[in-house]
Amino acid sequence: MRRIFQFLKSLGERGNIMDKELEFSDAQAITANATTADSTNVVDLGALTDFKGTALNAFGQAMGAINLIVEIETAPTAGTGIQVELHDCATEGGTYKATGIGLNDAVPIATLTAGYRMLNVALPASIRRYLKLVYTTTGDHSASAGTVNAYITTKPTSVNVAPYRA
């Protein structure tokens, strides 16, 4: 795992190889009908280490070491909008709570083109060990072809995306 993490870091953000343990969603279809859907995966920051064996959750915003990226892979074809929010938990099977990191308003479907970054934010050091994303849809997405990618990266990103504001 340590070698993989070091290799990913050397490749840069979303290089040719992505460690599945860093992904929340990999081309996840968002087809909910005016409701919420959890990300496909939960990320365990305590299990992930850098090349020195330091747990990722030991880093934080002060070092700019962990960024959350949420981007559209395939543009949605139905519905009104999508909102995303990061939830965390201290234990794997516990109750997840909103962290306040995410979008306050749903991003309109017309804005969600392929490659659009919904979020690109640094995670604070106070984040708890287990993380998941919660996608909230407005309108009927049941017939939508839209997909989303979401992951964390340790490489600072060149694109600075402020959360969408209506």
C-alpha atoms as a PDB file:
ATOM      1  CA  MET A   1       0.000   0.000   0.000  1.00  0.00           C
ATOM      2  CA  ARG A   2       2.770   2.443   0.869  1.00  0.00           C
ATOM      3  CA  ARG A   3       4.442   1.956  -2.495  1.00  0.00           C
ATOM      4  CA  ILE A   4       1.148   2.446  -4.303  1.00  0.00           C
ATOM      5  CA  PHE A   5       0.499   5.672  -2.415  1.00  0.00           C
ATOM      6  CA  GLN A   6       3.997   6.955  -3.210  1.00  0.00           C
ATOM      7  CA  PHE A   7       3.561   6.013  -6.871  1.00  0.00           C
ATOM      8  CA  LEU A   8       0.214   7.838  -7.064  1.00  0.00           C
ATOM      9  CA  LYS A   9       1.772  10.890  -5.492  1.00  0.00           C
ATOM     10  CA  SER A  10       4.511  10.878  -8.125  1.00  0.00           C
ATOM     11  CA  LEU A  11       1.966  10.551 -10.945  1.00  0.00           C
ATOM     12  CA  GLY A  12       0.087  13.599  -9.858  1.00  0.00           C
ATOM     13  CA  GLU A  13      -3.604  14.218  -9.557  1.00  0.00           C
ATOM     14  CA  ARG A  14      -5.758  11.511 -11.139  1.00  0.00           C
ATOM     15  CA  GLY A  15      -2.813   9.997 -12.992  1.00  0.00           C
ATOM     16  CA  ASN A  16      -3.026   6.929 -15.177  1.00  0.00           C
ATOM     17  CA  ILE A  17      -3.582   4.727 -12.136  1.00  0.00           C
ATOM     18  CA  MET A  18      -6.039   5.409  -9.317  1.00  0.00           C
ATOM     19  CA  ASP A  19      -5.949   3.505  -6.045  1.00  0.00           C
ATOM     20  CA  LYS A  20      -9.483   2.252  -5.405  1.00  0.00           C
ATOM     21  CA  GLU A  21      -9.008   2.987  -1.702  1.00  0.00           C
ATOM     22  CA  LEU A  22      -8.902   6.704  -2.574  1.00  0.00           C
ATOM     23  CA  GLU A  23     -12.151   6.679  -4.585  1.00  0.00           C
ATOM     24  CA  PHE A  24     -15.634   7.484  -3.363  1.00  0.00           C
ATOM     25  CA  SER A  25     -17.244   7.110  -6.791  1.00  0.00           C
ATOM     26  CA  ASP A  26     -15.894   5.707 -10.055  1.00  0.00           C
ATOM     27  CA  ALA A  27     -18.330   6.538 -12.854  1.00  0.00           C
ATOM     28  CA  GLN A  28     -21.164   6.181 -10.328  1.00  0.00           C
ATOM     29  CA  ALA A  29     -24.580   6.661 -11.914  1.00  0.00           C
ATOM     30  CA  ILE A  30     -26.693   9.242 -10.124  1.00  0.00           C
ATOM     31  CA  THR A  31     -30.209   8.081 -10.914  1.00  0.00           C
ATOM     32  CA  ALA A  32     -32.104   8.919  -7.741  1.00  0.00           C
ATOM     33  CA  ASN A  33     -35.517  10.552  -7.942  1.00  0.00           C
ATOM     34  CA  ALA A  34     -35.456  13.658  -5.730  1.00  0.00           C
ATOM     35  CA  THR A  35     -33.664  11.836  -2.927  1.00  0.00           C
ATOM     36  CA  THR A  36     -30.163  11.009  -1.666  1.00  0.00           C
ATOM     37  CA  ALA A  37     -27.634   8.384  -2.680  1.00  0.00           C
ATOM     38  CA  ASP A  38     -24.403   7.483  -0.882  1.00  0.00           C
ATOM     39  CA  SER A  39     -21.105   7.187  -2.717  1.00  0.00           C
ATOM     40  CA  THR A  40     -20.239   3.677  -3.825  1.00  0.00           C
ATOM     41  CA  ASN A  41     -17.236   3.515  -1.475  1.00  0.00           C
ATOM     42  CA  VAL A  42     -16.255   4.671   2.003  1.00  0.00           C
ATOM     43  CA  VAL A  43     -12.691   5.984   2.346  1.00  0.00           C
ATOM     44  CA  ASP A  44     -10.792   4.991   5.497  1.00  0.00           C
ATOM     45  CA  LEU A  45      -8.182   7.695   6.101  1.00  0.00           C
ATOM     46  CA  GLY A  46      -6.673   5.757   8.984  1.00  0.00           C
ATOM     47  CA  ALA A  47      -5.838   2.776   6.778  1.00  0.00           C
ATOM     48  CA  LEU A  48      -4.110   4.863   4.115  1.00  0.00           C
ATOM     49  CA  THR A  49      -0.492   5.830   4.664  1.00  0.00           C
ATOM     50  CA  ASP A  50       2.153   7.810   2.864  1.00  0.00           C
ATOM     51  CA  PHE A  51       5.548   6.396   1.897  1.00  0.00           C
ATOM     52  CA  LYS A  52       6.832   6.993   5.459  1.00  0.00           C
ATOM     53  CA  GLY A  53       3.950   5.083   7.054  1.00  0.00           C
ATOM     54  CA  THR A  54       2.177   8.189   8.350  1.00  0.00           C
ATOM     55  CA  ALA A  55      -1.628   7.861   8.296  1.00  0.00           C
ATOM     56  CA  LEU A  56      -3.314  10.258   5.881  1.00  0.00           C
ATOM     57  CA  ASN A  57      -5.601  11.539   8.598  1.00  0.00           C
ATOM     58  CA  ALA A  58      -2.505  12.987  10.317  1.00  0.00           C
ATOM     59  CA  PHE A  59      -2.331  15.570   7.523  1.00  0.00           C
ATOM     60  CA  GLY A  60      -4.786  18.370   6.979  1.00  0.00           C
ATOM     61  CA  GLN A  61      -5.620  21.701   5.478  1.00  0.00           C
ATOM     62  CA  ALA A  62      -2.578  23.424   6.982  1.00  0.00           C
ATOM     63  CA  MET A  63      -0.353  21.307   4.784  1.00  0.00           C
ATOM     64  CA  GLY A  64      -2.836  21.215   1.903  1.00  0.00           C
ATOM     65  CA  ALA A  65      -2.097  17.510   1.726  1.00  0.00           C
ATOM     66  CA  ILE A  66      -5.525  15.978   1.083  1.00  0.00           C
ATOM     67  CA  ASN A  67      -7.926  17.370  -1.507  1.00  0.00           C
ATOM     68  CA  LEU A  68     -11.429  16.109  -2.235  1.00  0.00           C
ATOM     69  CA  ILE A  69     -12.278  16.135  -5.938  1.00  0.00           C
ATOM     70  CA  VAL A  70     -15.817  15.579  -7.269  1.00  0.00           C
ATOM     71  CA  GLU A  71     -16.247  15.816 -11.034  1.00  0.00           C
ATOM     72  CA  ILE A  72     -18.809  14.918 -13.661  1.00  0.00           C
ATOM     73  CA  GLU A  73     -17.741  12.118 -15.996  1.00  0.00           C
ATOM     74  CA  THR A  74     -20.900  11.903 -18.112  1.00  0.00           C
ATOM     75  CA  ALA A  75     -23.316  14.820 -18.154  1.00  0.00           C
ATOM     76  CA  PRO A  76     -26.737  14.106 -16.647  1.00  0.00           C
ATOM     77  CA  THR A  77     -29.561  13.937 -19.188  1.00  0.00           C
ATOM     78  CA  ALA A  78     -32.514  14.302 -16.806  1.00  0.00           C
ATOM     79  CA  GLY A  79     -33.373  15.926 -13.517  1.00  0.00           C
ATOM     80  CA  THR A  80     -32.951  19.463 -12.246  1.00  0.00           C
ATOM     81  CA  GLY A  81     -29.737  19.499 -10.199  1.00  0.00           C
ATOM     82  CA  ILE A  82     -27.280  17.633  -7.969  1.00  0.00           C
ATOM     83  CA  GLN A  83     -25.857  18.567  -4.570  1.00  0.00           C
ATOM     84  CA  VAL A  84     -22.957  16.772  -2.848  1.00  0.00           C
ATOM     85  CA  GLU A  85     -21.844  16.747   0.778  1.00  0.00           C
ATOM     86  CA  LEU A  86     -19.053  14.990   2.663  1.00  0.00           C
ATOM     87  CA  HIS A  87     -20.017  12.936   5.732  1.00  0.00           C
ATOM     88  CA  ASP A  88     -17.635  11.458   8.290  1.00  0.00           C
ATOM     89  CA  CYS A  89     -17.680   8.953  11.135  1.00  0.00           C
ATOM     90  CA  ALA A  90     -15.238   7.826  13.821  1.00  0.00           C
ATOM     91  CA  THR A  91     -16.099   4.124  13.402  1.00  0.00           C
ATOM     92  CA  GLU A  92     -16.674   2.045  10.287  1.00  0.00           C
ATOM     93  CA  GLY A  93     -20.225   1.000  11.092  1.00  0.00           C
ATOM     94  CA  GLY A  94     -21.237   4.088  13.038  1.00  0.00           C
ATOM     95  CA  THR A  95     -23.543   6.986  12.274  1.00  0.00           C
ATOM     96  CA  TYR A  96     -22.203   9.335   9.610  1.00  0.00           C
ATOM     97  CA  LYS A  97     -22.686  13.071  10.086  1.00  0.00           C
ATOM     98  CA  ALA A  98     -22.393  15.989   7.683  1.00  0.00           C
ATOM     99  CA  THR A  99     -19.041  17.783   7.873  1.00  0.00           C
ATOM    100  CA  GLY A 100     -20.174  21.059   6.347  1.00  0.00           C
ATOM    101  CA  ILE A 101     -17.911  20.381   3.362  1.00  0.00           C
ATOM    102  CA  GLY A 102     -19.895  20.356   0.153  1.00  0.00           C
ATOM    103  CA  LEU A 103     -22.416  22.346  -1.796  1.00  0.00           C
ATOM    104  CA  ASN A 104     -25.178  24.302  -0.087  1.00  0.00           C
ATOM    105  CA  ASP A 105     -27.236  24.449  -3.265  1.00  0.00           C
ATOM    106  CA  ALA A 106     -27.854  21.956  -6.042  1.00  0.00           C
ATOM    107  CA  VAL A 107     -25.833  22.624  -9.185  1.00  0.00           C
ATOM    108  CA  PRO A 108     -28.203  22.952 -12.178  1.00  0.00           C
ATOM    109  CA  ILE A 109     -28.067  20.164 -14.763  1.00  0.00           C
ATOM    110  CA  ALA A 110     -27.151  22.659 -17.507  1.00  0.00           C
ATOM    111  CA  THR A 111     -23.929  23.437 -15.599  1.00  0.00           C
ATOM    112  CA  LEU A 112     -22.974  19.769 -15.118  1.00  0.00           C
ATOM    113  CA  THR A 113     -21.085  19.101 -18.331  1.00  0.00           C
ATOM    114  CA  ALA A 114     -18.513  16.317 -18.731  1.00  0.00           C
ATOM    115  CA  GLY A 115     -15.351  17.279 -16.833  1.00  0.00           C
ATOM    116  CA  TYR A 116     -17.080  19.884 -14.622  1.00  0.00           C
ATOM    117  CA  ARG A 117     -15.601  19.966 -11.121  1.00  0.00           C
ATOM    118  CA  MET A 118     -18.298  20.224  -8.514  1.00  0.00           C
ATOM    119  CA  LEU A 119     -15.765  20.280  -5.667  1.00  0.00           C
ATOM    120  CA  ASN A 120     -12.029  20.730  -5.281  1.00  0.00           C
ATOM    121  CA  VAL A 121     -11.382  21.440  -1.616  1.00  0.00           C
ATOM    122  CA  ALA A 122      -8.736  20.672   0.997  1.00  0.00           C
ATOM    123  CA  LEU A 123      -9.850  18.491   3.889  1.00  0.00           C
ATOM    124  CA  PRO A 124      -9.277  19.864   7.401  1.00  0.00           C
ATOM    125  CA  ALA A 125      -7.224  17.991  10.000  1.00  0.00           C
ATOM    126  CA  SER A 126     -10.337  17.694  12.185  1.00  0.00           C
ATOM    127  CA  ILE A 127     -12.013  15.292   9.753  1.00  0.00           C
ATOM    128  CA  ARG A 128     -12.876  11.908  11.259  1.00  0.00           C
ATOM    129  CA  ARG A 129     -11.445   8.618   9.969  1.00  0.00           C
ATOM    130  CA  TYR A 130     -14.252   7.237   7.755  1.00  0.00           C
ATOM    131  CA  LEU A 131     -15.600   9.357   4.897  1.00  0.00           C
ATOM    132  CA  LYS A 132     -18.415   9.034   2.387  1.00  0.00           C
ATOM    133  CA  LEU A 133     -20.208  11.375   0.013  1.00  0.00           C
ATOM    134  CA  VAL A 134     -23.950  11.906  -0.100  1.00  0.00           C
ATOM    135  CA  TYR A 135     -25.441  13.017  -3.411  1.00  0.00           C
ATOM    136  CA  THR A 136     -28.826  14.760  -3.278  1.00  0.00           C
ATOM    137  CA  THR A 137     -30.812  15.111  -6.465  1.00  0.00           C
ATOM    138  CA  THR A 138     -33.525  17.567  -7.353  1.00  0.00           C
ATOM    139  CA  GLY A 139     -35.975  16.497 -10.014  1.00  0.00           C
ATOM    140  CA  ASP A 140     -36.286  13.024 -11.500  1.00  0.00           C
ATOM    141  CA  HIS A 141     -32.884  11.544 -12.397  1.00  0.00           C
ATOM    142  CA  SER A 142     -34.202   7.974 -12.825  1.00  0.00           C
ATOM    143  CA  ALA A 143     -33.754   8.122 -16.626  1.00  0.00           C
ATOM    144  CA  SER A 144     -30.489  10.086 -16.500  1.00  0.00           C
ATOM    145  CA  ALA A 145     -27.235   8.852 -17.991  1.00  0.00           C
ATOM    146  CA  GLY A 146     -25.137  11.061 -15.697  1.00  0.00           C
ATOM    147  CA  THR A 147     -22.106   9.678 -13.850  1.00  0.00           C
ATOM    148  CA  VAL A 148     -19.727  11.155 -11.296  1.00  0.00           C
ATOM    149  CA  ASN A 149     -16.145  10.525 -10.161  1.00  0.00           C
ATOM    150  CA  ALA A 150     -15.043  11.450  -6.647  1.00  0.00           C
ATOM    151  CA  TYR A 151     -11.702  10.801  -4.996  1.00  0.00           C
ATOM    152  CA  ILE A 152      -9.070  12.210  -2.698  1.00  0.00           C
ATOM    153  CA  THR A 153      -5.617  13.145  -3.841  1.00  0.00           C
ATOM    154  CA  THR A 154      -2.480  14.174  -2.013  1.00  0.00           C
ATOM    155  CA  LYS A 155      -1.204  16.252  -4.904  1.00  0.00           C
ATOM    156  CA  PRO A 156      -2.232  19.918  -4.837  1.00  0.00           C
ATOM    157  CA  THR A 157      -4.471  20.644  -7.776  1.00  0.00           C
ATOM    158  CA  SER A 158      -3.947  23.430 -10.273  1.00  0.00           C
ATOM    159  CA  VAL A 159      -7.670  24.080 -10.641  1.00  0.00           C
ATOM    160  CA  ASN A 160      -9.114  26.027  -7.734  1.00  0.00           C
ATOM    161  CA  VAL A 161     -12.865  25.471  -7.737  1.00  0.00           C
ATOM    162  CA  ALA A 162     -15.007  27.381  -5.312  1.00  0.00           C
ATOM    163  CA  PRO A 163     -18.241  25.593  -4.405  1.00  0.00           C
ATOM    164  CA  TYR A 164     -21.172  26.482  -6.654  1.00  0.00           C
ATOM    165  CA  ARG A 165     -23.378  29.278  -5.363  1.00  0.00           C
ATOM    166  CA  ALA A 166     -26.833  29.834  -6.824  1.00  0.00           C
END
